[in-house]
C-alpha cells in the first residue's frame, strides 16, 4: 500500500496534516476522527494521536480536535460530493472506499414511521479501518482443505479481530485461482458488509481470484439463493454466520451441490458448539473442516482443525 492511497481519503486542503501518517501506511490500522475530540490512530495495535502539524504524539493533550465542519467536508469528499448516491451505505453506517478501506459512521439517525433507520445526519464520528490484504495468509491451511483434489466445506472460527476474514479472503483467492491441491473453481461471495472483497463502485478492491463473483451489500440469506440461481457457483462464501436463518440458507446451498466457506465468531470449538444454530449446522454435517484461529503478536495463527465429527485433524 502506498502513501498516496491513504492521502486520497482526505480532501486536498487537509492532506498536509496526514502526510506523516500516510508514510506509515503498512503499519496503519485505524484512523478515528471525532468532532471536538483528539485525532487518534492505531499503528501496530498501539494508539497514538495526531497534533495540528500532523506529528504523531503519544498523548491526547497535544492532539488536534477537528471541528464538525471538517467531518462534513471529509464525508463529502468520501462520497465524491454526491451524498445522495451513497445514501444506502450511510443508512447502514459505513462506506467502502477506493482501496477497500471501510469508513464507519456515527451521528444522529433519522427513523421512518415504523421505527426503522431511514437515514443519518450530523455525522460526527468517523472510524477509517485500513484494509491490508495478506496474500498467502492461507498457505499453511490450504493442504488441509482438499480431499482428492476437491476443496471441502470449511468454517473458520475466531474471536473478533482474530483474522478469520483475512484468512477467508485468501482461501477464496486461492480456490478461485487454483492450487497444487486442486484446480481453480467458480466461487461466489455474498459480501454483506463489503469486508471480503471491499468493493468500490461495484469493483472488488481486494484480489479474490479470477473465477470469483461478488454480490456486495446483500443480506446473506437472500444473497446465497440469488447467487446459486444466477451464477452457478461451485463454492459459496459468506462472512460471519450468526443465526438459524443463516444456517438454513447454508444447508440449502449445500443441498444444491455448493461447497461452503464461512466464518463465525468464537474463541474455541466448544464455544461454537454451544450456539443453538450451530448444533443444527453440525447435525446436518454442513462443514467438513472447522478451523480455529487466533491472533498472536499481530499474526493470524491456526490453533486447531477439526473434521465433520469434531475430531482433531492431522495437518498434512
Protein backbone atom coordinates (compact mmCIF):
# COMPACT_ATOMS: atom_id res chain seq x y z
CA UNK A 1 0.00 0.00 0.00
CA UNK A 2 1.32 3.44 -0.95
CA UNK A 3 1.14 6.69 0.99
CA UNK A 4 -0.84 8.26 -1.87
CA UNK A 5 -3.69 5.81 -1.28
CA UNK A 6 -4.05 6.99 2.33
CA UNK A 7 -3.82 10.66 1.37
CA UNK A 8 -6.56 10.21 -1.21
CA UNK A 9 -9.01 9.53 1.64
CA UNK A 10 -8.79 13.19 2.69
CA UNK A 11 -9.83 16.43 0.97
CA UNK A 12 -6.97 18.18 -0.82
CA UNK A 13 -6.81 21.08 1.64
CA UNK A 14 -6.26 18.83 4.67
CA UNK A 15 -3.70 16.37 3.25
CA UNK A 16 -0.64 18.11 4.67
CA UNK A 17 -1.75 17.08 8.17
CA UNK A 18 -1.85 13.42 7.13
CA UNK A 19 1.40 13.10 5.18
CA UNK A 20 3.47 11.71 8.06
CA UNK A 21 0.76 9.19 8.92
CA UNK A 22 0.43 8.17 5.26
CA UNK A 23 4.15 7.33 5.14
CA UNK A 24 3.42 4.59 7.69
CA UNK A 25 0.63 3.07 5.61
CA UNK A 26 1.86 -0.51 6.08
CA UNK A 27 1.64 -0.20 9.89
CA UNK A 28 -1.59 1.83 9.94
CA UNK A 29 -4.74 0.04 11.07
CA UNK A 30 -7.28 2.70 12.07
CA UNK A 31 -7.90 6.43 11.97
CA UNK A 32 -10.55 7.80 14.33
CA UNK A 33 -11.93 11.27 13.74
CA UNK A 34 -14.43 12.63 16.27
CA UNK A 35 -15.78 16.19 16.24
CA UNK A 36 -14.17 18.19 19.04
CA UNK A 37 -12.14 15.21 20.26
CA UNK A 38 -8.46 14.26 19.82
CA UNK A 39 -7.49 12.74 16.47
CA UNK A 40 -6.26 9.20 17.10
CA UNK A 41 -4.64 6.49 15.00
CA UNK A 42 -3.79 2.84 15.53
CA UNK A 43 -0.30 1.73 14.48
CA UNK A 44 0.72 -1.88 15.07
CA UNK A 45 -2.10 -2.30 17.62
CA UNK A 46 -0.97 0.76 19.63
CA UNK A 47 -2.95 4.01 19.93
CA UNK A 48 -1.29 7.32 19.06
CA UNK A 49 -2.57 10.85 18.47
CA UNK A 50 -2.03 13.50 15.80
CA UNK A 51 -1.30 17.16 16.50
CA UNK A 52 -2.19 20.21 14.40
CA UNK A 53 1.06 19.93 12.40
CA UNK A 54 0.45 16.27 11.60
CA UNK A 55 3.02 14.95 14.04
CA UNK A 56 2.35 11.63 15.76
CA UNK A 57 2.29 12.13 19.56
CA UNK A 58 1.76 9.77 22.48
CA UNK A 59 -0.92 11.61 24.47
CA UNK A 60 -4.26 13.31 23.69
CA UNK A 61 -3.27 16.63 25.30
CA UNK A 62 -1.38 17.84 22.20
CA UNK A 63 -3.74 16.31 19.66
CA UNK A 64 -5.75 18.25 17.10
CA UNK A 65 -9.50 18.40 17.66
CA UNK A 66 -11.40 18.66 14.38
CA UNK A 67 -14.49 20.86 14.08
CA UNK A 68 -17.81 19.37 12.89
CA UNK A 69 -17.35 21.18 9.56
CA UNK A 70 -14.15 19.22 8.92
CA UNK A 71 -16.03 15.94 9.23
CA UNK A 72 -18.71 17.23 6.87
CA UNK A 73 -16.03 18.15 4.32
CA UNK A 74 -14.43 14.76 4.64
CA UNK A 75 -17.73 12.89 4.28
CA UNK A 76 -18.49 14.90 1.15
CA UNK A 77 -15.08 14.02 -0.26
CA UNK A 78 -15.52 10.30 0.50
CA UNK A 79 -18.93 10.38 -1.20
CA UNK A 80 -17.48 12.15 -4.23
CA UNK A 81 -19.63 15.16 -3.32
CA UNK A 82 -22.82 13.24 -4.01
CA UNK A 83 -24.00 12.07 -0.59
CA UNK A 84 -27.38 11.15 -2.07
CA UNK A 85 -25.67 8.49 -4.23
CA UNK A 86 -24.28 6.87 -1.07
CA UNK A 87 -27.48 7.15 1.00
CA UNK A 88 -27.98 3.38 1.25
CA UNK A 89 -24.47 2.85 2.62
CA UNK A 90 -24.77 5.78 5.02
CA UNK A 91 -28.01 4.33 6.34
CA UNK A 92 -26.16 1.08 7.12
CA UNK A 93 -23.48 3.04 8.99
CA UNK A 94 -20.43 2.56 6.80
CA UNK A 95 -18.84 3.37 3.47
CA UNK A 96 -16.40 1.24 1.50
CA UNK A 97 -13.99 3.48 -0.38
CA UNK A 98 -11.33 3.09 -3.06
CA UNK A 99 -8.70 0.62 -1.91
CA UNK A 100 -11.24 -1.45 0.04
CA UNK A 101 -10.91 0.69 3.17
CA UNK A 102 -14.01 0.86 5.34
CA UNK A 103 -15.30 4.03 7.00
CA UNK A 104 -17.64 3.57 9.96
CA UNK A 105 -20.12 6.39 10.57
CA UNK A 106 -21.97 7.53 13.68
CA UNK A 107 -24.17 10.52 14.42
CA UNK A 108 -27.90 11.15 14.64
CA UNK A 109 -30.19 8.66 12.94
CA UNK A 110 -33.48 9.53 11.24
CA UNK A 111 -36.27 6.98 11.70
CA UNK A 112 -39.20 6.27 9.42
CA UNK A 113 -42.78 5.84 10.60
CA UNK A 114 -42.15 2.20 11.55
CA UNK A 115 -39.08 2.92 13.67
CA UNK A 116 -36.53 1.73 11.10
CA UNK A 117 -33.43 3.72 10.26
CA UNK A 118 -34.18 5.88 7.24
CA UNK A 119 -31.02 7.95 7.10
CA UNK A 120 -28.32 9.59 9.22
CA UNK A 121 -27.44 13.25 9.80
CA UNK A 122 -25.00 15.24 11.91
CA UNK A 123 -22.33 12.61 11.30
CA UNK A 124 -19.72 13.49 13.90
CA UNK A 125 -17.74 10.27 14.25
CA UNK A 126 -15.65 8.51 11.59
CA UNK A 127 -13.63 5.31 12.01
CA UNK A 128 -11.43 4.56 8.99
CA UNK A 129 -10.33 0.92 9.04
CA UNK A 130 -7.37 0.46 6.72
CA UNK A 131 -7.57 -2.63 4.52
CA UNK A 132 -4.48 -4.85 4.43
CA UNK A 133 -4.81 -7.84 2.15
CA UNK A 134 -2.30 -10.56 3.05
CA UNK A 135 -1.71 -12.76 0.02
CA UNK A 136 -0.57 -16.15 1.20
CA UNK A 137 -2.27 -15.88 4.59
CA UNK A 138 -3.89 -19.28 4.00
CA UNK A 139 -0.83 -21.07 2.57
CA UNK A 140 -0.34 -23.27 5.64
CA UNK A 141 -4.03 -24.14 5.75
CA UNK A 142 -4.73 -24.98 2.11
CA UNK A 143 -3.37 -28.58 2.10
CA UNK A 144 -5.81 -29.39 4.92
CA UNK A 145 -8.82 -28.16 2.94
CA UNK A 146 -8.61 -30.53 -0.03
CA UNK A 147 -9.55 -34.18 -0.42
CA UNK A 148 -8.67 -35.92 -3.69
CA UNK A 149 -8.31 -32.57 -5.47
CA UNK A 150 -11.61 -31.22 -4.17
CA UNK A 151 -12.00 -28.26 -1.80
CA UNK A 152 -14.10 -29.26 1.24
CA UNK A 153 -16.67 -27.11 3.04
CA UNK A 154 -14.91 -25.16 5.79
CA UNK A 155 -15.92 -22.98 8.74
CA UNK A 156 -13.34 -20.55 10.17
CA UNK A 157 -13.70 -19.75 13.87
CA UNK A 158 -12.01 -16.91 15.78
CA UNK A 159 -12.75 -14.10 18.23
CA UNK A 160 -13.32 -10.62 16.75
CA UNK A 161 -10.07 -9.41 15.24
CA UNK A 162 -8.67 -12.93 15.13
CA UNK A 163 -8.03 -12.90 11.39
CA UNK A 164 -10.87 -15.06 10.07
CA UNK A 165 -11.93 -12.61 7.33
CA UNK A 166 -8.32 -12.21 6.20
CA UNK A 167 -7.99 -15.99 6.08
CA UNK A 168 -11.33 -16.43 4.28
CA UNK A 169 -10.35 -13.87 1.64
CA UNK A 170 -7.13 -15.72 0.85
CA UNK A 171 -8.84 -19.12 0.74
CA UNK A 172 -11.32 -17.66 -1.75
CA UNK A 173 -8.48 -16.24 -3.86
CA UNK A 174 -6.53 -19.49 -3.92
CA UNK A 175 -9.58 -21.68 -4.56
CA UNK A 176 -10.57 -19.41 -7.44
CA UNK A 177 -7.09 -19.29 -8.97
CA UNK A 178 -6.32 -22.97 -8.38
CA UNK A 179 -3.54 -24.52 -6.31
CA UNK A 180 -1.30 -27.57 -6.42
CA UNK A 181 -4.01 -29.30 -4.38
CA UNK A 182 -6.87 -28.72 -6.81
CA UNK A 183 -7.95 -26.81 -9.93
CA UNK A 184 -9.48 -23.33 -9.87
CA UNK A 185 -13.26 -23.26 -9.40
CA UNK A 186 -16.07 -20.73 -9.71
CA UNK A 187 -16.57 -19.00 -6.35
CA UNK A 188 -19.48 -16.75 -5.41
CA UNK A 189 -19.19 -14.39 -2.45
CA UNK A 190 -22.05 -12.78 -0.52
CA UNK A 191 -20.22 -9.74 0.85
CA UNK A 192 -22.93 -8.35 3.12
CA UNK A 193 -20.73 -5.70 4.74
CA UNK A 194 -18.15 -5.24 1.98
CA UNK A 195 -15.38 -6.70 4.15
CA UNK A 196 -14.27 -9.62 1.99
CA UNK A 197 -13.88 -8.13 -1.49
CA UNK A 198 -14.05 -4.49 -0.35
CA UNK A 199 -16.00 -3.44 -3.45
CA UNK A 200 -15.96 0.21 -4.50
CA UNK A 201 -18.50 1.24 -7.15
CA UNK A 202 -19.11 -2.46 -7.74
CA UNK A 203 -15.47 -3.39 -8.36
CA UNK A 204 -13.58 -5.57 -5.89
CA UNK A 205 -10.64 -3.71 -4.37
CA UNK A 206 -9.17 -6.90 -2.91
CA UNK A 207 -7.84 -9.76 -5.00
CA UNK A 208 -10.39 -12.55 -4.63
CA UNK A 209 -9.36 -14.53 -7.72
CA UNK A 210 -10.12 -14.70 -11.42
CA UNK A 211 -13.14 -17.02 -11.10
CA UNK A 212 -14.90 -15.16 -8.27
CA UNK A 213 -18.22 -13.30 -8.48
CA UNK A 214 -19.22 -10.88 -5.71
CA UNK A 215 -22.68 -9.81 -4.55
CA UNK A 216 -21.95 -6.72 -2.46
CA UNK A 217 -24.10 -5.27 0.31
CA UNK A 218 -26.75 -8.00 0.16
CA UNK A 219 -28.08 -9.87 3.23
CA UNK A 220 -26.60 -13.35 3.43
CA UNK A 221 -29.80 -15.39 3.25
CA UNK A 222 -31.18 -13.64 0.17
CA UNK A 223 -27.72 -13.34 -1.39
CA UNK A 224 -26.92 -17.04 -1.19
CA UNK A 225 -30.08 -18.06 -3.01
CA UNK A 226 -29.67 -15.29 -5.58
CA UNK A 227 -26.10 -16.33 -6.44
CA UNK A 228 -27.00 -20.01 -6.72
CA UNK A 229 -29.71 -19.12 -9.25
CA UNK A 230 -27.70 -16.58 -11.21
CA UNK A 231 -24.01 -17.56 -11.06
CA UNK A 232 -23.99 -21.37 -10.64
CA UNK A 233 -21.09 -21.40 -8.15
CA UNK A 234 -19.09 -24.46 -7.23
CA UNK A 235 -18.09 -22.75 -3.97
CA UNK A 236 -20.18 -20.26 -1.99
CA UNK A 237 -18.53 -17.99 0.60
CA UNK A 238 -20.05 -15.81 3.34
CA UNK A 239 -18.71 -13.98 6.39
CA UNK A 240 -20.00 -14.25 9.96
CA UNK A 241 -22.75 -16.84 10.21
CA UNK A 242 -24.88 -15.61 13.10
CA UNK A 243 -28.39 -17.04 13.07
CA UNK A 244 -30.50 -20.10 12.40
CA UNK A 245 -31.70 -18.45 9.17
CA UNK A 246 -28.08 -18.19 8.00
CA UNK A 247 -27.52 -21.85 8.85
CA UNK A 248 -30.64 -22.94 6.99
CA UNK A 249 -29.61 -20.96 3.92
CA UNK A 250 -26.21 -22.66 4.03
CA UNK A 251 -27.97 -26.03 4.19
CA UNK A 252 -29.98 -25.15 1.07
CA UNK A 253 -26.79 -24.06 -0.70
CA UNK A 254 -25.05 -27.29 0.28
CA UNK A 255 -28.06 -29.23 -0.98
CA UNK A 256 -27.57 -27.57 -4.37
CA UNK A 257 -24.09 -29.04 -4.60
CA UNK A 258 -22.09 -25.99 -3.46
CA UNK A 259 -19.13 -26.35 -1.21
CA UNK A 260 -19.24 -23.78 1.58
CA UNK A 261 -16.73 -21.34 3.04
CA UNK A 262 -17.86 -19.33 6.06
CA UNK A 263 -16.73 -17.69 9.29
CA UNK A 264 -18.17 -17.39 12.79
CA UNK A 265 -17.25 -15.59 16.00
CA UNK A 266 -15.93 -17.91 18.69
CA UNK A 267 -12.98 -18.46 20.97
CA UNK A 268 -12.94 -22.26 20.75
CA UNK A 269 -14.64 -25.23 19.13
CA UNK A 270 -16.53 -25.89 22.35
CA UNK A 271 -17.86 -22.33 22.42
CA UNK A 272 -19.13 -22.67 18.87
CA UNK A 273 -20.86 -25.97 19.66
CA UNK A 274 -22.83 -24.25 22.43
CA UNK A 275 -24.60 -21.94 19.95
CA UNK A 276 -28.08 -23.30 19.24
CA UNK A 277 -27.96 -22.73 15.50
CA UNK A 278 -24.52 -24.36 15.33
CA UNK A 279 -25.94 -27.56 16.78
CA UNK A 280 -28.23 -27.56 13.76
CA UNK A 281 -25.26 -26.98 11.44
CA UNK A 282 -23.31 -29.85 12.95
CA UNK A 283 -26.27 -32.22 12.91
CA UNK A 284 -26.65 -31.53 9.19
CA UNK A 285 -22.93 -32.15 8.60
CA UNK A 286 -22.61 -28.98 6.53
CA UNK A 287 -18.89 -28.47 7.16
CA UNK A 288 -16.09 -30.97 6.72
CA UNK A 289 -13.49 -28.76 8.40
CA UNK A 290 -13.68 -26.46 11.43
CA UNK A 291 -10.59 -24.25 11.68
CA UNK A 292 -9.92 -22.48 14.99
CA UNK A 293 -7.86 -19.29 14.67
CA UNK A 294 -6.49 -16.60 16.93
CA UNK A 295 -4.12 -13.67 16.63
CA UNK A 296 -0.76 -13.61 18.38
CA UNK A 297 1.70 -10.71 18.03
CA UNK A 298 -0.31 -9.32 15.14
CA UNK A 299 -0.31 -12.54 13.09
CA UNK A 300 -3.19 -14.94 12.47
CA UNK A 301 -2.43 -18.39 13.90
CA UNK A 302 -4.07 -21.78 13.26
CA UNK A 303 -4.87 -23.27 16.67
CA UNK A 304 -6.63 -26.50 15.66
CA UNK A 305 -8.51 -28.15 12.80
CA UNK A 306 -11.48 -30.48 13.34
CA UNK A 307 -13.34 -32.75 10.93
CA UNK A 308 -17.08 -33.15 10.38
CA UNK A 309 -17.47 -35.22 13.56
CA UNK A 310 -15.50 -32.76 15.67
CA UNK A 311 -12.37 -34.89 15.81
CA UNK A 312 -8.95 -33.20 15.50
CA UNK A 313 -7.45 -33.47 12.02
CA UNK A 314 -3.81 -34.24 11.43
CA UNK A 315 -2.19 -31.48 9.39
CA UNK A 316 -0.54 -32.58 6.19
